[in-house]
C-alpha cells in the first residue's frame, strides 16, 4: 500500500504532525525495504536453468502476497512445486481457491521464464495425488521465448486511483483474448458498487478483517523481516505510524478515526475505475483454478505490455457466509451458463507502484 502526500495530509489533518514527527526522526529520509525487494534484483542470476526460472516465478502475483509455494529440485531436469500448509486464508478463502489460483500464477511465470532462456517445461499437476506436490515441471532444451516474458519485471498490482481516461476499445479488444473486459458505463457502475460493498463486508466482518490485519507488515523493519503479507511502508506511512494514526490496533478497530479514513481512501480508489476484467471457468476444480491462475498471470503481463494497470478486487468472489449476496451478484453480472467467476480486477491507467516484497528463492527451497 502506498499513500500520496495529499492522502497523508488528509489523514493527519494538516502538515504540523508530519513536520514535527519527521523532524524528530531522521530515519524517515530512507524507508525503502531494500532487503525485501532484493529478490527482484536477483532474478535471472542463477546458472541452473531451473533455479533461474524459479527466481522469476516467485515474483508472480498471489493472494495477500502469502507466497504459498515451496519448491524442490528433482534429478537433473525437474522441479516439484508444493503448497506451504502454513500459508492459508481460512476466513476469506476457506476452500483454498485463491491459494491455488496463486499457484497457477507461479507455474505460468515459471514456464514463461524458462522459455525466455530456451527451455520448454512439461507440467504434470498433482503427479502423486492430492497429498503430494501440486505439480512437477520437467525442463527440456528447445523453446521459443514468449513476448509476454519481457513484462515479468514490469508487472505491478496498482492499488491506487486510476485516471478517468477510458480504456480504448482497441486495447480492450486485445485483452479479450485473456479475459472478459467490461467498459460499458452500466456494467462499470454496477461493478463499482459491488466491489465497494464487498470490500466493506470483509472490513465489517471481525474475523475476516482480523485475518488481513494479522498479515500486515508495518514499516521497513517488519517488511524486511517478513517480506510477505500486506506491506505498509514508505516515509509517509511510517510518519503516520510514529504519530499513532496507523497501527495494528487502529487497523483492528473499525471505530477509530484512522480506520475510517483508511476506508475513505479505499472507497476513492475503488470508485476511480474506468473498466474491469474478469476470468471465468466452466467448472471449479483445482485444475480449473490452476488454469485461472495461469490466465490471470498472462492478463497481468499483457496489461503491462499495453501500459495499463490491473488490480485484483475479488472480495465479492470469496466463499464465506457473509459474502454470499455479493458472490451471487457477481455471478449474475459476470457469469453465463453456470460458469464460476474466478477473478475480478480493476483496469485502467494508474501510476507505476513499487515492487512487492518477496522471500528470496533460498527461503522457498526444500532442498539444494
Protein backbone atom coordinates (compact mmCIF):
# COMPACT_ATOMS: atom_id res chain seq x y z
CA UNK A 1 0.00 0.00 0.00
CA UNK A 2 1.31 3.46 -0.86
CA UNK A 3 -0.07 6.85 0.06
CA UNK A 4 0.38 10.13 -1.75
CA UNK A 5 1.38 13.22 0.23
CA UNK A 6 -2.14 14.60 -0.25
CA UNK A 7 -3.67 11.49 1.29
CA UNK A 8 -1.27 11.63 4.22
CA UNK A 9 -2.10 15.24 4.96
CA UNK A 10 -5.78 14.37 4.78
CA UNK A 11 -5.33 11.56 7.28
CA UNK A 12 -3.42 13.65 9.82
CA UNK A 13 -5.38 16.85 9.26
CA UNK A 14 -2.55 19.05 8.03
CA UNK A 15 1.21 19.30 7.90
CA UNK A 16 2.10 20.06 11.52
CA UNK A 17 2.16 16.47 12.76
CA UNK A 18 4.03 15.38 9.67
CA UNK A 19 6.69 18.04 10.10
CA UNK A 20 7.05 17.55 13.85
CA UNK A 21 7.28 13.80 13.62
CA UNK A 22 9.63 13.81 10.67
CA UNK A 23 11.96 16.32 12.37
CA UNK A 24 12.11 14.03 15.41
CA UNK A 25 13.06 11.03 13.31
CA UNK A 26 15.72 11.48 10.66
CA UNK A 27 15.47 7.83 9.71
CA UNK A 28 12.45 8.73 7.56
CA UNK A 29 14.79 10.03 4.87
CA UNK A 30 15.04 6.49 3.55
CA UNK A 31 12.42 3.90 4.39
CA UNK A 32 12.71 1.64 1.36
CA UNK A 33 12.80 -2.05 2.41
CA UNK A 34 15.70 -2.97 0.15
CA UNK A 35 16.18 -6.44 1.64
CA UNK A 36 12.55 -7.36 0.93
CA UNK A 37 12.87 -6.25 -2.70
CA UNK A 38 16.26 -7.88 -3.29
CA UNK A 39 14.72 -10.99 -4.94
CA UNK A 40 13.65 -8.78 -7.85
CA UNK A 41 17.27 -7.81 -8.40
CA UNK A 42 18.44 -11.42 -8.00
CA UNK A 43 16.04 -12.77 -10.63
CA UNK A 44 17.90 -14.25 -13.58
CA UNK A 45 21.26 -14.57 -11.81
CA UNK A 46 21.36 -18.38 -11.47
CA UNK A 47 23.37 -20.76 -13.66
CA UNK A 48 20.97 -23.71 -13.26
CA UNK A 49 18.08 -23.03 -15.70
CA UNK A 50 15.60 -24.38 -13.16
CA UNK A 51 16.75 -22.03 -10.42
CA UNK A 52 16.86 -19.22 -12.95
CA UNK A 53 13.22 -19.80 -13.91
CA UNK A 54 12.20 -20.20 -10.26
CA UNK A 55 13.82 -16.86 -9.40
CA UNK A 56 11.32 -15.21 -11.75
CA UNK A 57 8.38 -17.45 -10.83
CA UNK A 58 8.47 -16.34 -7.19
CA UNK A 59 7.68 -12.78 -8.34
CA UNK A 60 4.21 -13.88 -9.51
CA UNK A 61 1.06 -12.32 -8.05
CA UNK A 62 -0.70 -14.24 -5.28
CA UNK A 63 -3.40 -13.63 -2.66
CA UNK A 64 -2.37 -11.27 0.17
CA UNK A 65 1.22 -11.80 -1.01
CA UNK A 66 1.33 -15.02 1.01
CA UNK A 67 3.77 -16.63 -1.46
CA UNK A 68 2.33 -20.08 -0.69
CA UNK A 69 4.89 -22.04 -2.68
CA UNK A 70 7.71 -24.39 -1.73
CA UNK A 71 9.95 -25.94 -4.38
CA UNK A 72 12.43 -28.76 -4.68
CA UNK A 73 14.86 -29.77 -7.39
CA UNK A 74 14.41 -33.33 -8.64
CA UNK A 75 17.13 -35.11 -10.58
CA UNK A 76 18.91 -33.09 -13.23
CA UNK A 77 15.94 -31.68 -15.09
CA UNK A 78 12.85 -31.34 -12.87
CA UNK A 79 11.27 -29.19 -10.19
CA UNK A 80 8.44 -30.10 -7.85
CA UNK A 81 6.07 -27.44 -6.54
CA UNK A 82 4.49 -27.89 -3.13
CA UNK A 83 1.89 -25.83 -1.32
CA UNK A 84 3.14 -24.45 2.01
CA UNK A 85 0.50 -25.62 4.53
CA UNK A 86 1.21 -22.66 6.80
CA UNK A 87 0.17 -20.18 4.09
CA UNK A 88 -3.61 -20.02 4.11
CA UNK A 89 -6.56 -17.63 4.40
CA UNK A 90 -9.08 -19.75 6.31
CA UNK A 91 -11.54 -16.90 6.87
CA UNK A 92 -11.70 -15.33 3.40
CA UNK A 93 -10.55 -18.32 1.34
CA UNK A 94 -11.98 -21.32 3.21
CA UNK A 95 -11.76 -23.62 0.17
CA UNK A 96 -8.19 -22.54 -0.75
CA UNK A 97 -9.42 -21.49 -4.20
CA UNK A 98 -7.45 -18.24 -4.16
CA UNK A 99 -4.33 -20.01 -2.93
CA UNK A 100 -4.50 -22.49 -5.81
CA UNK A 101 -5.01 -19.64 -8.29
CA UNK A 102 -1.80 -18.10 -6.92
CA UNK A 103 -0.01 -21.38 -7.55
CA UNK A 104 -1.24 -21.24 -11.14
CA UNK A 105 0.29 -17.76 -11.50
CA UNK A 106 3.59 -19.17 -10.22
CA UNK A 107 3.54 -22.05 -12.71
CA UNK A 108 2.79 -19.83 -15.69
CA UNK A 109 5.57 -17.44 -14.78
CA UNK A 110 7.92 -20.42 -14.39
CA UNK A 111 7.05 -21.61 -17.90
CA UNK A 112 7.49 -18.15 -19.40
CA UNK A 113 10.81 -17.55 -17.65
CA UNK A 114 12.14 -20.93 -18.75
CA UNK A 115 11.06 -20.28 -22.33
CA UNK A 116 12.91 -16.98 -22.38
CA UNK A 117 16.19 -18.90 -21.93
CA UNK A 118 15.34 -21.63 -24.44
CA UNK A 119 13.81 -24.29 -22.20
CA UNK A 120 10.38 -25.82 -22.54
CA UNK A 121 8.55 -27.08 -19.45
CA UNK A 122 6.29 -30.12 -19.28
CA UNK A 123 3.88 -29.70 -16.36
CA UNK A 124 2.13 -32.55 -14.54
CA UNK A 125 -0.44 -31.49 -11.96
CA UNK A 126 -0.70 -33.47 -8.71
CA UNK A 127 1.59 -36.22 -10.06
CA UNK A 128 1.46 -38.16 -6.77
CA UNK A 129 -2.17 -37.48 -5.85
CA UNK A 130 -3.81 -34.82 -3.71
CA UNK A 131 -1.43 -35.28 -0.77
CA UNK A 132 1.69 -34.81 -2.88
CA UNK A 133 3.17 -31.86 -4.73
CA UNK A 134 0.95 -29.50 -6.70
CA UNK A 135 2.98 -30.01 -9.86
CA UNK A 136 6.11 -31.43 -11.37
CA UNK A 137 7.90 -29.41 -14.05
CA UNK A 138 10.37 -31.16 -16.37
CA UNK A 139 12.77 -28.92 -18.30
CA UNK A 140 13.97 -29.77 -21.79
CA UNK A 141 16.01 -27.86 -24.36
CA UNK A 142 14.21 -26.14 -27.18
CA UNK A 143 11.64 -23.40 -26.75
CA UNK A 144 10.89 -20.04 -28.30
CA UNK A 145 10.52 -17.12 -25.95
CA UNK A 146 7.00 -15.81 -25.39
CA UNK A 147 6.96 -12.00 -25.80
CA UNK A 148 4.96 -11.68 -22.57
CA UNK A 149 8.02 -12.86 -20.62
CA UNK A 150 9.59 -9.45 -21.25
CA UNK A 151 6.96 -7.93 -18.94
CA UNK A 152 7.70 -10.04 -15.86
CA UNK A 153 9.86 -7.34 -14.27
CA UNK A 154 7.40 -4.58 -15.22
CA UNK A 155 4.28 -6.15 -13.72
CA UNK A 156 2.71 -4.45 -10.72
CA UNK A 157 -0.59 -4.57 -8.86
CA UNK A 158 -1.64 -0.93 -8.76
CA UNK A 159 -3.60 -0.17 -5.58
CA UNK A 160 -4.13 3.49 -6.46
CA UNK A 161 -6.98 5.51 -8.01
CA UNK A 162 -6.94 5.21 -11.78
CA UNK A 163 -7.13 8.12 -14.18
CA UNK A 164 -10.59 8.91 -15.59
CA UNK A 165 -9.25 8.15 -19.08
CA UNK A 166 -11.32 5.36 -20.70
CA UNK A 167 -9.65 2.15 -21.79
CA UNK A 168 -9.64 2.38 -25.61
CA UNK A 169 -11.73 -0.15 -27.47
CA UNK A 170 -8.66 -1.31 -29.38
CA UNK A 171 -6.86 -2.27 -26.15
CA UNK A 172 -9.99 -3.80 -24.65
CA UNK A 173 -10.27 -5.98 -27.74
CA UNK A 174 -6.68 -7.17 -27.30
CA UNK A 175 -7.35 -8.06 -23.69
CA UNK A 176 -10.44 -10.05 -24.66
CA UNK A 177 -8.00 -12.80 -25.67
CA UNK A 178 -7.16 -13.14 -21.97
CA UNK A 179 -10.31 -12.17 -20.05
CA UNK A 180 -13.80 -10.74 -20.27
CA UNK A 181 -13.41 -6.96 -20.35
CA UNK A 182 -16.15 -4.54 -19.29
CA UNK A 183 -16.03 -0.90 -20.35
CA UNK A 184 -19.72 -0.03 -20.79
CA UNK A 185 -20.97 2.55 -18.28
CA UNK A 186 -23.82 0.48 -16.85
CA UNK A 187 -21.71 -2.58 -16.03
CA UNK A 188 -18.82 -0.48 -14.76
CA UNK A 189 -21.10 1.38 -12.34
CA UNK A 190 -22.64 -1.89 -11.18
CA UNK A 191 -19.19 -3.34 -10.54
CA UNK A 192 -18.05 -0.23 -8.70
CA UNK A 193 -20.99 -0.64 -6.33
CA UNK A 194 -20.42 -4.38 -5.99
CA UNK A 195 -16.69 -4.18 -5.29
CA UNK A 196 -17.20 -1.43 -2.73
CA UNK A 197 -19.98 -3.28 -0.91
CA UNK A 198 -17.95 -6.49 -0.93
CA UNK A 199 -14.87 -4.72 0.41
CA UNK A 200 -16.95 -3.21 3.21
CA UNK A 201 -18.43 -6.61 4.05
CA UNK A 202 -14.93 -8.03 4.50
CA UNK A 203 -13.92 -4.99 6.58
CA UNK A 204 -17.09 -5.11 8.71
CA UNK A 205 -16.79 -8.83 9.49
CA UNK A 206 -14.46 -9.05 12.52
CA UNK A 207 -12.82 -12.38 11.72
CA UNK A 208 -12.12 -11.53 8.07
CA UNK A 209 -10.83 -8.06 8.98
CA UNK A 210 -8.51 -9.56 11.58
CA UNK A 211 -7.16 -12.05 9.07
CA UNK A 212 -5.88 -9.17 6.95
CA UNK A 213 -4.61 -7.17 9.93
CA UNK A 214 -2.61 -10.17 11.13
CA UNK A 215 -0.88 -10.23 7.75
CA UNK A 216 0.02 -6.53 7.74
CA UNK A 217 3.70 -5.60 7.94
CA UNK A 218 4.14 -2.14 9.47
CA UNK A 219 7.22 -0.25 8.33
CA UNK A 220 10.60 -1.08 6.88
CA UNK A 221 11.82 -3.32 9.71
CA UNK A 222 8.75 -5.55 9.73
CA UNK A 223 8.68 -5.75 5.93
CA UNK A 224 12.34 -6.74 5.71
CA UNK A 225 11.92 -9.31 8.49
CA UNK A 226 8.77 -10.84 6.97
CA UNK A 227 8.60 -9.95 3.26
CA UNK A 228 5.15 -11.41 2.72
CA UNK A 229 1.61 -10.34 3.59
CA UNK A 230 0.37 -6.77 3.19
CA UNK A 231 3.24 -4.29 3.28
CA UNK A 232 2.53 -0.88 4.80
CA UNK A 233 5.68 1.15 4.31
CA UNK A 234 7.31 4.24 2.90
CA UNK A 235 8.22 7.54 4.59
CA UNK A 236 4.70 8.97 4.76
CA UNK A 237 3.08 5.84 6.16
CA UNK A 238 5.87 5.43 8.68
CA UNK A 239 5.32 9.05 9.74
CA UNK A 240 1.70 8.15 10.39
CA UNK A 241 2.87 5.15 12.40
CA UNK A 242 5.04 7.40 14.57
CA UNK A 243 2.07 9.73 15.02
CA UNK A 244 -0.12 6.80 16.09
CA UNK A 245 -2.50 7.26 13.18
CA UNK A 246 -1.59 3.91 11.60
CA UNK A 247 -1.01 0.88 13.81
CA UNK A 248 -2.11 -2.70 14.19
CA UNK A 249 -4.52 -1.62 16.93
CA UNK A 250 -6.03 1.15 14.77
CA UNK A 251 -6.43 -1.17 11.79
CA UNK A 252 -8.29 -3.64 14.01
CA UNK A 253 -10.73 -1.01 15.31
CA UNK A 254 -13.48 -0.03 12.83
CA UNK A 255 -14.48 2.83 15.15
CA UNK A 256 -11.09 4.54 15.10
CA UNK A 257 -10.56 7.71 13.09
CA UNK A 258 -7.57 6.18 11.33
CA UNK A 259 -9.59 3.15 10.25
CA UNK A 260 -12.45 5.32 8.95
CA UNK A 261 -10.05 7.49 6.98
CA UNK A 262 -8.49 4.36 5.50
CA UNK A 263 -11.96 3.24 4.44
CA UNK A 264 -12.48 6.56 2.67
CA UNK A 265 -9.14 6.21 0.86
CA UNK A 266 -10.13 2.74 -0.32
CA UNK A 267 -13.57 3.96 -1.39
CA UNK A 268 -11.94 6.66 -3.51
CA UNK A 269 -9.61 4.12 -5.09
CA UNK A 270 -12.30 1.57 -5.90
CA UNK A 271 -14.57 4.16 -7.48
CA UNK A 272 -11.76 5.59 -9.63
CA UNK A 273 -12.06 2.73 -12.09
CA UNK A 274 -12.95 3.04 -15.80
CA UNK A 275 -13.04 -0.69 -16.67
CA UNK A 276 -12.91 -4.24 -15.29
CA UNK A 277 -11.55 -7.61 -16.34
CA UNK A 278 -12.96 -10.94 -15.18
CA UNK A 279 -11.96 -14.58 -15.58
CA UNK A 280 -14.46 -17.43 -15.60
CA UNK A 281 -14.15 -21.19 -15.88
CA UNK A 282 -16.60 -23.90 -16.88
CA UNK A 283 -16.07 -25.75 -13.60
CA UNK A 284 -14.37 -25.03 -10.29
CA UNK A 285 -11.97 -27.94 -9.78
CA UNK A 286 -8.41 -27.37 -8.54
CA UNK A 287 -7.23 -27.87 -12.12
CA UNK A 288 -9.63 -25.11 -13.24
CA UNK A 289 -8.22 -22.88 -10.53
CA UNK A 290 -4.64 -23.54 -11.64
CA UNK A 291 -5.65 -22.67 -15.20
CA UNK A 292 -7.35 -19.49 -13.98
CA UNK A 293 -4.11 -18.51 -12.27
CA UNK A 294 -2.12 -19.09 -15.42
CA UNK A 295 -4.57 -16.95 -17.39
CA UNK A 296 -4.55 -14.23 -14.71
CA UNK A 297 -0.77 -14.06 -14.89
CA UNK A 298 -0.86 -13.66 -18.66
CA UNK A 299 -3.52 -10.96 -18.34
CA UNK A 300 -1.27 -9.10 -15.90
CA UNK A 301 1.66 -9.25 -18.29
CA UNK A 302 -0.43 -8.19 -21.27
CA UNK A 303 -1.71 -5.19 -19.32
CA UNK A 304 1.89 -4.23 -18.54
CA UNK A 305 2.75 -4.53 -22.23
CA UNK A 306 -0.15 -2.23 -23.15
CA UNK A 307 0.66 0.33 -20.46
CA UNK A 308 -2.45 -0.49 -18.43
CA UNK A 309 -2.76 -1.04 -14.69
CA UNK A 310 -4.53 -4.04 -13.17
CA UNK A 311 -5.58 -4.53 -9.55
CA UNK A 312 -7.45 -7.60 -8.27
CA UNK A 313 -10.68 -6.78 -6.42
CA UNK A 314 -12.05 -10.26 -5.90
CA UNK A 315 -13.56 -9.85 -2.44
CA UNK A 316 -17.01 -10.44 -3.95
CA UNK A 317 -15.84 -13.90 -5.07
CA UNK A 318 -14.87 -15.10 -1.61
CA UNK A 319 -16.77 -18.08 -0.25
CA UNK A 320 -17.53 -17.13 3.36
CA UNK A 321 -21.14 -16.80 4.53
CA UNK A 322 -21.41 -13.02 4.89
CA UNK A 323 -20.15 -12.53 1.32
CA UNK A 324 -22.76 -14.75 -0.33
CA UNK A 325 -25.10 -11.94 -1.51
CA UNK A 326 -22.18 -10.26 -3.28
CA UNK A 327 -20.92 -13.59 -4.61
CA UNK A 328 -24.34 -14.24 -6.13
CA UNK A 329 -24.49 -10.72 -7.55
CA UNK A 330 -21.04 -11.10 -9.11
CA UNK A 331 -22.11 -14.29 -10.82
CA UNK A 332 -25.32 -12.73 -12.08
CA UNK A 333 -23.28 -9.91 -13.64
CA UNK A 334 -20.25 -11.81 -14.91
CA UNK A 335 -21.17 -15.46 -15.40
CA UNK A 336 -23.06 -17.25 -18.14
CA UNK A 337 -24.16 -20.87 -18.35
CA UNK A 338 -23.24 -21.60 -14.75
CA UNK A 339 -19.57 -20.68 -15.06
CA UNK A 340 -17.53 -19.89 -11.97
CA UNK A 341 -16.09 -16.38 -11.77
CA UNK A 342 -12.51 -16.92 -10.61
CA UNK A 343 -11.00 -13.42 -10.70
CA UNK A 344 -12.14 -9.81 -10.99
CA UNK A 345 -9.81 -6.85 -11.45
CA UNK A 346 -9.91 -3.09 -11.85
CA UNK A 347 -8.49 -1.97 -15.17
CA UNK A 348 -7.26 1.43 -16.26
CA UNK A 349 -4.35 3.83 -16.24
CA UNK A 350 -2.51 4.22 -12.96
CA UNK A 351 0.89 5.25 -11.57
CA UNK A 352 3.85 2.89 -11.51
CA UNK A 353 3.93 1.50 -7.98
CA UNK A 354 6.87 -0.09 -6.10
CA UNK A 355 7.74 -3.73 -6.42
CA UNK A 356 6.10 -6.02 -3.88
CA UNK A 357 8.34 -7.62 -1.21
CA UNK A 358 9.34 -11.24 -1.72
CA UNK A 359 11.11 -14.00 0.16
CA UNK A 360 14.38 -14.98 -1.57
CA UNK A 361 14.45 -18.20 -3.55
CA UNK A 362 16.64 -19.89 -0.94
CA UNK A 363 13.90 -19.43 1.66
CA UNK A 364 11.48 -21.36 -0.55
CA UNK A 365 13.75 -24.27 -1.43
CA UNK A 366 13.07 -27.64 0.21
CA UNK A 367 16.45 -28.97 -0.95
CA UNK A 368 19.55 -27.94 -2.83
